[in-house]
Amino acid sequence: MKLFCLFTSAALASLAMGRPLRDVILSANSSCQVQGGDEAANLACRVTCINQGPGWTGGYCDDKQICHCTFGDSV
């Protein structure tokens, strides 16, 4: 029983260390609105998308300043 509690605690602690989904969504939504032109906005969007974790390959800003993330080989 103690071993089960130890593994459960470790699993829950690792989940708590992750970045909240709300923060990821907010940073992706605002990344295309940085000052510096389209190149800076696209770079901010791309970095925000890649930082979401494994499999995310980048992203781009559309004409409405919305960041679209790409996953896998869809770049």
N, C-alpha and C. Protein backbone atom coordinates (compact mmCIF):
# COMPACT_ATOMS: atom_id res chain seq x y z
N MET A 1 0.82 -1.19 0.00
CA MET A 1 0.00 0.00 0.00
C MET A 1 0.86 1.25 0.00
N LYS A 2 1.97 1.22 0.78
CA LYS A 2 2.85 2.39 0.82
C LYS A 2 3.49 2.64 -0.54
N LEU A 3 3.82 1.56 -1.25
CA LEU A 3 4.42 1.70 -2.57
C LEU A 3 3.42 2.35 -3.53
N PHE A 4 2.16 1.95 -3.46
CA PHE A 4 1.12 2.53 -4.30
C PHE A 4 0.99 4.03 -4.03
N CYS A 5 1.00 4.42 -2.77
CA CYS A 5 0.90 5.84 -2.41
C CYS A 5 2.09 6.62 -2.93
N LEU A 6 3.27 6.02 -2.88
CA LEU A 6 4.47 6.69 -3.36
C LEU A 6 4.37 6.94 -4.87
N PHE A 7 3.96 5.92 -5.63
CA PHE A 7 3.84 6.08 -7.07
C PHE A 7 2.74 7.07 -7.44
N THR A 8 1.63 7.02 -6.71
CA THR A 8 0.53 7.95 -6.97
C THR A 8 0.97 9.38 -6.69
N SER A 9 1.68 9.60 -5.61
CA SER A 9 2.17 10.94 -5.28
C SER A 9 3.14 11.44 -6.34
N ALA A 10 4.02 10.57 -6.81
CA ALA A 10 4.98 10.97 -7.84
C ALA A 10 4.27 11.32 -9.14
N ALA A 11 3.26 10.55 -9.50
CA ALA A 11 2.51 10.82 -10.73
C ALA A 11 1.76 12.14 -10.63
N LEU A 12 1.12 12.38 -9.51
CA LEU A 12 0.37 13.63 -9.34
C LEU A 12 1.30 14.83 -9.27
N ALA A 13 2.46 14.66 -8.68
CA ALA A 13 3.43 15.77 -8.61
C ALA A 13 3.92 16.14 -10.00
N SER A 14 4.14 15.14 -10.86
CA SER A 14 4.60 15.45 -12.22
C SER A 14 3.52 16.17 -13.02
N LEU A 15 2.26 15.85 -12.77
CA LEU A 15 1.18 16.57 -13.44
C LEU A 15 1.09 18.01 -12.97
N ALA A 16 1.33 18.23 -11.71
CA ALA A 16 1.25 19.58 -11.16
C ALA A 16 2.36 20.47 -11.69
N MET A 17 3.47 19.89 -12.11
CA MET A 17 4.59 20.69 -12.61
C MET A 17 4.37 21.15 -14.04
N GLY A 18 3.42 20.57 -14.76
CA GLY A 18 3.16 20.95 -16.14
C GLY A 18 2.58 22.35 -16.24
N ARG A 19 2.62 22.89 -17.44
CA ARG A 19 2.09 24.22 -17.70
C ARG A 19 0.58 24.13 -17.87
N PRO A 20 -0.19 24.94 -17.16
CA PRO A 20 -1.65 24.88 -17.30
C PRO A 20 -2.10 25.19 -18.73
N LEU A 21 -3.11 24.47 -19.19
CA LEU A 21 -3.62 24.65 -20.55
C LEU A 21 -4.05 26.09 -20.79
N ARG A 22 -4.61 26.72 -19.78
CA ARG A 22 -5.05 28.11 -19.91
C ARG A 22 -3.88 29.01 -20.31
N ASP A 23 -2.72 28.79 -19.70
CA ASP A 23 -1.54 29.60 -20.00
C ASP A 23 -1.05 29.36 -21.42
N VAL A 24 -1.10 28.11 -21.87
CA VAL A 24 -0.69 27.79 -23.24
C VAL A 24 -1.60 28.48 -24.24
N ILE A 25 -2.91 28.41 -24.00
CA ILE A 25 -3.87 29.03 -24.92
C ILE A 25 -3.69 30.54 -24.94
N LEU A 26 -3.52 31.16 -23.78
CA LEU A 26 -3.35 32.61 -23.73
C LEU A 26 -2.08 33.04 -24.44
N SER A 27 -0.98 32.31 -24.26
CA SER A 27 0.26 32.71 -24.90
C SER A 27 0.19 32.49 -26.41
N ALA A 28 -0.49 31.44 -26.87
CA ALA A 28 -0.65 31.23 -28.30
C ALA A 28 -1.55 32.30 -28.91
N ASN A 29 -2.59 32.71 -28.19
CA ASN A 29 -3.49 33.73 -28.70
C ASN A 29 -2.82 35.09 -28.81
N SER A 30 -1.92 35.41 -27.91
CA SER A 30 -1.31 36.74 -27.91
C SER A 30 0.04 36.78 -28.63
N SER A 31 0.59 35.64 -29.03
CA SER A 31 1.92 35.63 -29.63
C SER A 31 1.95 36.34 -30.98
N CYS A 32 0.86 36.38 -31.71
CA CYS A 32 0.83 37.05 -33.01
C CYS A 32 0.63 38.56 -32.88
N GLN A 33 0.47 39.04 -31.68
CA GLN A 33 0.21 40.46 -31.48
C GLN A 33 1.42 41.19 -30.90
N VAL A 34 2.61 40.60 -31.06
CA VAL A 34 3.83 41.27 -30.59
C VAL A 34 4.22 42.35 -31.58
N GLN A 35 4.90 43.36 -31.09
CA GLN A 35 5.37 44.43 -31.96
C GLN A 35 6.62 43.97 -32.68
N GLY A 36 6.83 44.47 -33.88
CA GLY A 36 8.03 44.12 -34.63
C GLY A 36 7.75 43.59 -36.01
N GLY A 37 6.51 43.58 -36.42
CA GLY A 37 6.18 43.13 -37.77
C GLY A 37 5.82 41.67 -37.84
N ASP A 38 5.52 41.24 -39.07
CA ASP A 38 5.06 39.87 -39.31
C ASP A 38 6.11 38.82 -38.96
N GLU A 39 7.37 39.10 -39.26
CA GLU A 39 8.42 38.12 -38.98
C GLU A 39 8.55 37.86 -37.49
N ALA A 40 8.50 38.91 -36.69
CA ALA A 40 8.60 38.75 -35.23
C ALA A 40 7.38 38.02 -34.69
N ALA A 41 6.20 38.34 -35.23
CA ALA A 41 4.98 37.68 -34.78
C ALA A 41 5.00 36.20 -35.12
N ASN A 42 5.42 35.86 -36.34
CA ASN A 42 5.50 34.46 -36.74
C ASN A 42 6.52 33.70 -35.90
N LEU A 43 7.64 34.34 -35.59
CA LEU A 43 8.65 33.70 -34.75
C LEU A 43 8.10 33.45 -33.34
N ALA A 44 7.40 34.43 -32.77
CA ALA A 44 6.82 34.26 -31.44
C ALA A 44 5.78 33.14 -31.44
N CYS A 45 4.97 33.07 -32.48
CA CYS A 45 3.97 32.01 -32.60
C CYS A 45 4.65 30.65 -32.71
N ARG A 46 5.66 30.56 -33.57
CA ARG A 46 6.36 29.29 -33.79
C ARG A 46 6.98 28.78 -32.48
N VAL A 47 7.64 29.67 -31.75
CA VAL A 47 8.28 29.28 -30.49
C VAL A 47 7.23 28.86 -29.46
N THR A 48 6.12 29.59 -29.38
CA THR A 48 5.04 29.24 -28.45
C THR A 48 4.51 27.84 -28.76
N CYS A 49 4.33 27.55 -30.04
CA CYS A 49 3.81 26.23 -30.42
C CYS A 49 4.80 25.12 -30.11
N ILE A 50 6.06 25.32 -30.44
CA ILE A 50 7.08 24.29 -30.19
C ILE A 50 7.21 24.01 -28.70
N ASN A 51 7.07 25.04 -27.87
CA ASN A 51 7.19 24.88 -26.42
C ASN A 51 6.03 24.11 -25.80
N GLN A 52 5.01 23.77 -26.58
CA GLN A 52 3.89 23.00 -26.04
C GLN A 52 4.30 21.56 -25.76
N GLY A 53 5.35 21.08 -26.40
CA GLY A 53 5.82 19.74 -26.11
C GLY A 53 6.19 18.96 -27.36
N PRO A 54 6.52 17.69 -27.18
CA PRO A 54 6.95 16.84 -28.29
C PRO A 54 5.89 16.73 -29.38
N GLY A 55 6.32 16.78 -30.61
CA GLY A 55 5.41 16.63 -31.74
C GLY A 55 5.00 17.94 -32.39
N TRP A 56 5.03 19.03 -31.63
CA TRP A 56 4.67 20.33 -32.18
C TRP A 56 5.86 20.86 -32.97
N THR A 57 5.65 21.16 -34.26
CA THR A 57 6.76 21.50 -35.14
C THR A 57 6.86 22.99 -35.44
N GLY A 58 5.90 23.77 -35.07
CA GLY A 58 5.96 25.21 -35.34
C GLY A 58 4.58 25.81 -35.42
N GLY A 59 4.51 26.98 -36.05
CA GLY A 59 3.23 27.66 -36.18
C GLY A 59 3.39 28.90 -37.03
N TYR A 60 2.27 29.53 -37.34
CA TYR A 60 2.27 30.74 -38.15
C TYR A 60 1.09 31.61 -37.76
N CYS A 61 1.18 32.90 -38.06
CA CYS A 61 0.10 33.84 -37.79
C CYS A 61 -0.70 34.07 -39.07
N ASP A 62 -2.01 34.10 -38.94
CA ASP A 62 -2.83 34.41 -40.11
C ASP A 62 -3.07 35.92 -40.19
N ASP A 63 -3.87 36.36 -41.16
CA ASP A 63 -4.10 37.79 -41.36
C ASP A 63 -4.95 38.42 -40.27
N LYS A 64 -5.53 37.60 -39.39
CA LYS A 64 -6.32 38.13 -38.26
C LYS A 64 -5.54 38.06 -36.96
N GLN A 65 -4.23 37.86 -37.05
CA GLN A 65 -3.33 37.77 -35.90
C GLN A 65 -3.69 36.62 -34.96
N ILE A 66 -4.03 35.48 -35.55
CA ILE A 66 -4.31 34.26 -34.79
C ILE A 66 -3.19 33.26 -35.07
N CYS A 67 -2.65 32.69 -34.00
CA CYS A 67 -1.56 31.73 -34.11
C CYS A 67 -2.12 30.34 -34.39
N HIS A 68 -1.62 29.70 -35.45
CA HIS A 68 -2.02 28.34 -35.80
C HIS A 68 -0.80 27.44 -35.63
N CYS A 69 -0.89 26.47 -34.72
CA CYS A 69 0.22 25.56 -34.46
C CYS A 69 0.15 24.36 -35.40
N THR A 70 1.33 23.85 -35.77
CA THR A 70 1.42 22.67 -36.62
C THR A 70 1.99 21.52 -35.81
N PHE A 71 1.50 20.33 -36.08
CA PHE A 71 1.88 19.14 -35.34
C PHE A 71 2.41 18.09 -36.30
N GLY A 72 3.49 17.45 -35.93
CA GLY A 72 4.04 16.37 -36.74
C GLY A 72 4.67 16.87 -38.03
N ASP A 73 4.35 16.20 -39.13
CA ASP A 73 4.94 16.53 -40.43
C ASP A 73 4.12 17.54 -41.21
N SER A 74 3.23 18.24 -40.56
CA SER A 74 2.31 19.13 -41.29
C SER A 74 2.86 20.55 -41.47
N VAL A 75 4.19 20.70 -41.49
CA VAL A 75 4.78 22.04 -41.70
C VAL A 75 4.90 22.36 -43.16
